Every structure is written in C-alpha cells, then in structure tokens.
Amino acid sequence: MTGLHYQEQVVTEQHLKEVAVSLAPDTAHPNLNLSESRRRVSWVENVPHNCDNPTYQGQGGSETIFSVLGQDCFTTGRHYWEVEVNMGTDSGSRWAVGVCSDTVKRQGWFVENAEKNFWVVACTEGTIEALTSPPESLSLRQHLHRIGVFLDWDAGDVSFYNMIDGSHIYSFTTITFCGTLRPYFSLQGSGTSLTTCLASDHTENCLDSPPNTSVTHVRNFDVSIPQETKSLLPQ
C-alpha cells in the first residue's frame, strides 16, 4: 500500500489511544525471554521444550516460528503503540510486528499473512516485507529501528510508520475484523529483540532497551504523511 493511497483515506478527528503494550507470558514460545517489565522480548537458543504452556508442548525445530502476543485485547476503537526493533547478526535472523486475531494458529511453523488473520510487517536478514499473500517486498529509505503500529478497528485499517523519520511503511486497509485483536511479535536469531515503547518516552532509550541502542525521537513528519494523521500522534 503506497503512501499516496494512505493519504486518500478519510481520517477522523478522534485521537488514537496510545497503548502501553505489555507482553503476555502465557503466550510466549519457550525460546523467547521476556524482561521483568514484560516490555522486551529476546530470542534464546537451546531451551528445553518441556514447558507447561499447552500452546507449545512438544514443538521445536528449525521451522518453528517463535512468537508472543501482547497482553492488550482490542474489539473496537483506534489504538497506537511503538516497537523498537534490534536485528541479530545470525544467518536467518528475523522479526515481525503487527496485529493478529486472538484465535490464530501459532503452534510450530505457521503462515503469518493477512489471509490467516496476521497483519504484520517483517524483516528477514535485512529484507523488509509486508506479509500479504504473496509477501510484498518494501523499499524503504532507511533501516527500521522504531516502528509505530496504528490500529483502527472500526475502519478496518492497520498501518505502520517509521517513527525515526515519520515515513509511511505500509497499510492493510478495508479489513473486516471479527472478534478480538492483539499486538503480535515474532523473532529469531541471537541478538534479535523487540521492545515496546511509549511515544511519550523522553529518555534516549526505550525502557528495557539494550544499553547500546539509542533512539532519536523525531516528531517532524515528512510531507508523505497527511497533516490530519500528524495531529493524531502524541506530542
């Protein structure tokens, strides 16, 4: 979905609700390590697969997708949160962030795409894609470090923005949502981590971010984003 198409969408005056997303431990794959605050998730290798979580009992192997859901549940309204992404250097390192239905299949290897009720963007070894069917490769002007996820449940829209320079990444539009939606995260590879952030964070780093990761928080969005959308963001 192009930035031009997004500009053509009607944006109401109702402000998005900023969400302090926390991660749900009972939905986390055993190879994922959650911080004490439940704001940061990282991938851990060689974890025994004898966990008590029935979602993940008896699974493992190279084809597994390692995922976790946000604690928050959405059945209406307009919501917004940010995610800081850090990619590891291992071959096969990846991350994916977005929104999914509360009832999606997440056992072992599964397909993350809109047809399966996953509305996400992903990065695999530096290649950014919107996980449509088939996936759509995205050409971005800079590497992603901090992503804004915008959910408009009633309008059927999930949009992603680069929160460093304000550029539009991708929008899933005209979706007929049914039931509960939750923030979605998956990752793999040593050194790969995802951290949920608040737009109102005024520190140099997100809470729980690795100490060597700095974030420049920019609110002067470029002209590819409509003025109406700028006004929805927390100042």
Protein backbone atom coordinates (compact mmCIF):
# COMPACT_ATOMS: atom_id res chain seq x y z
CA MET A 1 0.00 0.00 0.00
CA THR A 2 1.56 3.31 -1.04
CA GLY A 3 1.80 6.49 1.00
CA LEU A 4 -0.36 8.20 -1.64
CA HIS A 5 -3.15 5.68 -1.12
CA TYR A 6 -2.96 6.22 2.60
CA GLN A 7 -3.27 9.98 2.09
CA GLU A 8 -6.55 9.41 0.32
CA GLN A 9 -8.10 7.71 3.34
CA VAL A 10 -10.53 9.71 5.46
CA VAL A 11 -9.04 10.44 8.90
CA THR A 12 -11.48 11.48 11.60
CA GLU A 13 -10.71 13.97 14.36
CA GLN A 14 -10.86 11.28 17.03
CA HIS A 15 -7.40 10.75 18.52
CA LEU A 16 -5.72 7.39 18.62
CA LYS A 17 -5.40 5.89 22.08
CA GLU A 18 -1.76 5.35 22.99
CA VAL A 19 -1.26 1.86 24.43
CA ALA A 20 1.49 0.83 26.84
CA VAL A 21 1.75 -2.69 25.41
CA SER A 22 2.99 -5.39 27.76
CA LEU A 23 3.76 -8.94 26.65
CA ALA A 24 1.70 -11.94 27.78
CA PRO A 25 3.99 -14.64 29.26
CA ASP A 26 1.39 -17.38 28.80
CA THR A 27 1.50 -16.82 25.01
CA ALA A 28 5.32 -16.78 24.65
CA HIS A 29 7.26 -19.54 22.93
CA PRO A 30 9.78 -21.14 25.36
CA ASN A 31 12.69 -19.87 23.23
CA LEU A 32 11.62 -16.30 23.95
CA ASN A 33 12.86 -14.49 27.04
CA LEU A 34 10.65 -11.71 28.44
CA SER A 35 12.07 -8.94 30.60
CA GLU A 36 10.77 -8.46 34.12
CA SER A 37 8.74 -5.47 32.98
CA ARG A 38 7.27 -7.54 30.10
CA ARG A 39 8.20 -4.81 27.67
CA ARG A 40 11.16 -6.51 25.95
CA VAL A 41 11.44 -9.92 24.30
CA SER A 42 14.59 -11.60 23.02
CA TRP A 43 15.35 -14.95 21.41
CA VAL A 44 17.21 -17.67 23.32
CA GLU A 45 18.76 -20.74 21.72
CA ASN A 46 18.59 -24.34 23.01
CA VAL A 47 15.76 -24.08 25.52
CA PRO A 48 14.19 -27.42 26.59
CA HIS A 49 10.71 -27.82 25.11
CA ASN A 50 9.04 -29.25 28.20
CA CYS A 51 7.20 -26.07 29.18
CA ASP A 52 3.77 -26.08 30.77
CA ASN A 53 2.25 -23.83 28.10
CA PRO A 54 -0.09 -26.15 26.13
CA THR A 55 0.28 -23.97 23.02
CA TYR A 56 3.93 -25.03 22.68
CA GLN A 57 4.16 -28.51 24.17
CA GLY A 58 6.11 -30.93 22.04
CA GLN A 59 7.23 -28.47 19.40
CA GLY A 60 10.60 -27.21 18.29
CA GLY A 61 12.97 -27.46 15.37
CA SER A 62 14.23 -25.13 12.67
CA GLU A 63 10.80 -24.50 11.14
CA THR A 64 9.26 -23.12 14.32
CA ILE A 65 8.10 -19.50 14.42
CA PHE A 66 8.87 -18.01 17.83
CA SER A 67 6.04 -15.66 18.75
CA VAL A 68 4.36 -13.87 21.64
CA LEU A 69 1.21 -11.77 21.94
CA GLY A 70 0.60 -8.50 23.70
CA GLN A 71 -1.50 -8.56 26.84
CA ASP A 72 -3.90 -5.98 25.41
CA CYS A 73 -7.10 -7.02 23.62
CA PHE A 74 -8.97 -4.81 21.14
CA THR A 75 -12.54 -5.23 19.93
CA THR A 76 -13.20 -1.65 18.83
CA GLY A 77 -11.59 1.77 18.72
CA ARG A 78 -8.36 3.31 17.45
CA HIS A 79 -5.06 2.41 19.07
CA TYR A 80 -1.36 3.13 18.68
CA TRP A 81 1.92 1.79 20.05
CA GLU A 82 5.62 1.77 19.17
CA VAL A 83 8.13 -1.05 18.92
CA GLU A 84 11.91 -0.76 18.90
CA VAL A 85 13.47 -3.48 16.75
CA ASN A 86 17.01 -4.84 17.02
CA MET A 87 18.20 -7.38 14.47
CA GLY A 88 20.79 -10.00 15.36
CA THR A 89 23.68 -10.95 13.11
CA ASP A 90 23.00 -14.70 12.84
CA SER A 91 22.02 -16.17 9.49
CA GLY A 92 18.24 -16.46 9.42
CA SER A 93 17.65 -13.68 11.95
CA ARG A 94 14.21 -12.15 11.60
CA TRP A 95 11.47 -10.20 13.34
CA ALA A 96 7.81 -9.48 12.64
CA VAL A 97 5.47 -6.99 14.33
CA GLY A 98 1.83 -6.06 13.93
CA VAL A 99 -1.61 -7.31 14.88
CA CYS A 100 -3.33 -10.69 14.81
CA SER A 101 -6.62 -12.28 15.69
CA ASP A 102 -6.77 -13.78 19.17
CA THR A 103 -7.72 -17.14 17.63
CA VAL A 104 -4.87 -17.62 15.11
CA LYS A 105 -2.88 -20.85 14.96
CA ARG A 106 0.60 -20.37 16.46
CA GLN A 107 1.83 -23.93 17.01
CA GLY A 108 5.14 -24.85 15.39
CA TRP A 109 5.53 -23.48 11.87
CA PHE A 110 2.61 -21.44 10.60
CA VAL A 111 1.94 -18.81 7.97
CA GLU A 112 1.98 -15.17 9.01
CA ASN A 113 -0.17 -13.40 6.46
CA ALA A 114 -3.40 -11.44 6.17
CA GLU A 115 -5.34 -14.44 4.88
CA LYS A 116 -4.57 -16.16 8.21
CA ASN A 117 -5.52 -13.04 10.22
CA PHE A 118 -1.97 -11.75 10.75
CA TRP A 119 -1.46 -8.13 9.67
CA VAL A 120 2.28 -7.70 10.09
CA VAL A 121 5.47 -6.39 8.54
CA ALA A 122 8.61 -8.48 8.84
CA CYS A 123 12.35 -8.25 8.34
CA THR A 124 14.43 -11.30 7.39
CA GLU A 125 18.18 -10.75 7.10
CA GLY A 126 17.60 -7.11 6.18
CA THR A 127 14.74 -7.64 3.70
CA ILE A 128 11.52 -5.85 4.72
CA GLU A 129 8.18 -7.29 3.62
CA ALA A 130 4.50 -6.79 4.23
CA LEU A 131 3.19 -10.29 4.86
CA THR A 132 0.42 -10.32 2.31
CA SER A 133 -0.20 -13.36 0.10
CA PRO A 134 2.27 -13.46 -1.58
CA PRO A 135 4.54 -11.23 0.54
CA GLU A 136 5.17 -7.74 -0.80
CA SER A 137 8.76 -6.52 -0.69
CA LEU A 138 9.08 -2.96 0.63
CA SER A 139 11.68 -0.45 -0.49
CA LEU A 140 12.45 1.87 2.41
CA ARG A 141 14.82 4.81 2.52
CA GLN A 142 16.44 3.77 5.81
CA HIS A 143 16.71 0.79 8.13
CA LEU A 144 13.90 0.38 10.63
CA HIS A 145 14.70 0.91 14.30
CA ARG A 146 11.42 2.11 15.77
CA ILE A 147 8.01 1.30 14.29
CA GLY A 148 4.64 2.84 15.03
CA VAL A 149 1.69 0.45 14.76
CA PHE A 150 -1.67 2.17 14.16
CA LEU A 151 -4.84 0.10 14.54
CA ASP A 152 -8.26 1.45 13.55
CA TRP A 153 -10.54 -1.48 14.38
CA ASP A 154 -13.74 0.19 13.17
CA ALA A 155 -12.27 1.37 9.84
CA GLY A 156 -10.52 -1.95 9.21
CA ASP A 157 -7.03 -0.46 8.96
CA VAL A 158 -3.59 -1.44 10.27
CA SER A 159 -0.80 0.98 9.36
CA PHE A 160 2.92 1.08 10.06
CA TYR A 161 5.24 4.09 10.23
CA ASN A 162 8.96 4.59 10.69
CA MET A 163 8.98 6.63 13.90
CA ILE A 164 12.53 7.92 13.33
CA ASP A 165 11.76 9.90 10.17
CA GLY A 166 7.95 9.65 10.08
CA SER A 167 7.80 7.87 6.71
CA HIS A 168 4.95 5.51 5.86
CA ILE A 169 5.89 1.82 5.70
CA TYR A 170 2.68 0.01 4.78
CA SER A 171 -1.08 -0.10 5.37
CA PHE A 172 -3.50 -3.02 5.38
CA THR A 173 -6.88 -1.47 4.55
CA THR A 174 -10.59 -2.34 4.17
CA ILE A 175 -10.26 -5.28 6.57
CA THR A 176 -13.38 -6.76 8.11
CA PHE A 177 -12.22 -7.57 11.61
CA CYS A 178 -14.14 -10.16 13.58
CA GLY A 179 -13.53 -10.76 17.25
CA THR A 180 -10.56 -9.79 19.40
CA LEU A 181 -7.25 -8.44 18.05
CA ARG A 182 -3.93 -8.42 19.91
CA PRO A 183 -0.45 -7.00 19.32
CA TYR A 184 1.75 -9.64 17.67
CA PHE A 185 5.51 -10.19 17.77
CA SER A 186 7.80 -12.91 16.43
CA LEU A 187 11.58 -13.09 16.25
CA GLN A 188 14.56 -15.38 15.79
CA GLY A 189 18.33 -15.13 15.98
CA SER A 190 20.90 -14.37 18.64
CA GLY A 191 20.87 -10.67 19.46
CA THR A 192 17.41 -10.11 17.99
CA SER A 193 14.99 -8.33 20.31
CA LEU A 194 11.79 -6.30 20.29
CA THR A 195 10.90 -3.65 22.87
CA THR A 196 7.52 -1.96 23.23
CA CYS A 197 7.78 1.78 23.80
CA LEU A 198 5.65 4.80 24.59
CA ALA A 199 5.59 7.78 22.26
CA SER A 200 5.83 9.91 25.39
CA ASP A 201 9.18 8.38 26.38
CA HIS A 202 11.63 11.26 26.78
CA THR A 203 14.67 9.19 27.62
CA GLU A 204 17.25 8.43 24.97
CA ASN A 205 16.47 4.72 25.16
CA CYS A 206 13.25 2.79 25.46
CA LEU A 207 12.57 1.08 28.77
CA ASP A 208 14.42 -2.26 28.77
CA SER A 209 16.30 -1.50 25.54
CA PRO A 210 19.86 -2.78 25.32
CA PRO A 211 22.19 -0.04 26.63
CA ASN A 212 23.99 0.36 23.31
CA THR A 213 20.78 1.14 21.43
CA SER A 214 19.89 4.82 21.14
CA VAL A 215 16.70 6.22 19.68
CA THR A 216 16.34 9.67 18.16
CA HIS A 217 12.72 10.59 18.72
CA VAL A 218 11.55 12.72 15.81
CA ARG A 219 8.07 14.24 15.51
CA ASN A 220 8.63 16.40 12.40
CA PHE A 221 7.00 14.03 9.95
CA ASP A 222 7.62 14.42 6.23
CA VAL A 223 5.09 15.52 3.64
CA SER A 224 4.20 11.95 2.67
CA ILE A 225 2.02 11.78 5.82
CA PRO A 226 -1.18 13.83 5.76
CA GLN A 227 -1.46 16.68 8.25
CA GLU A 228 -4.58 15.07 9.73
CA THR A 229 -2.57 11.99 10.65
CA LYS A 230 0.16 14.04 12.31
CA SER A 231 -2.44 15.50 14.65
CA LEU A 232 -3.39 12.02 15.89
CA LEU A 233 0.08 11.38 17.29
CA PRO A 234 1.00 12.20 20.88
CA GLN A 235 3.07 15.38 21.00
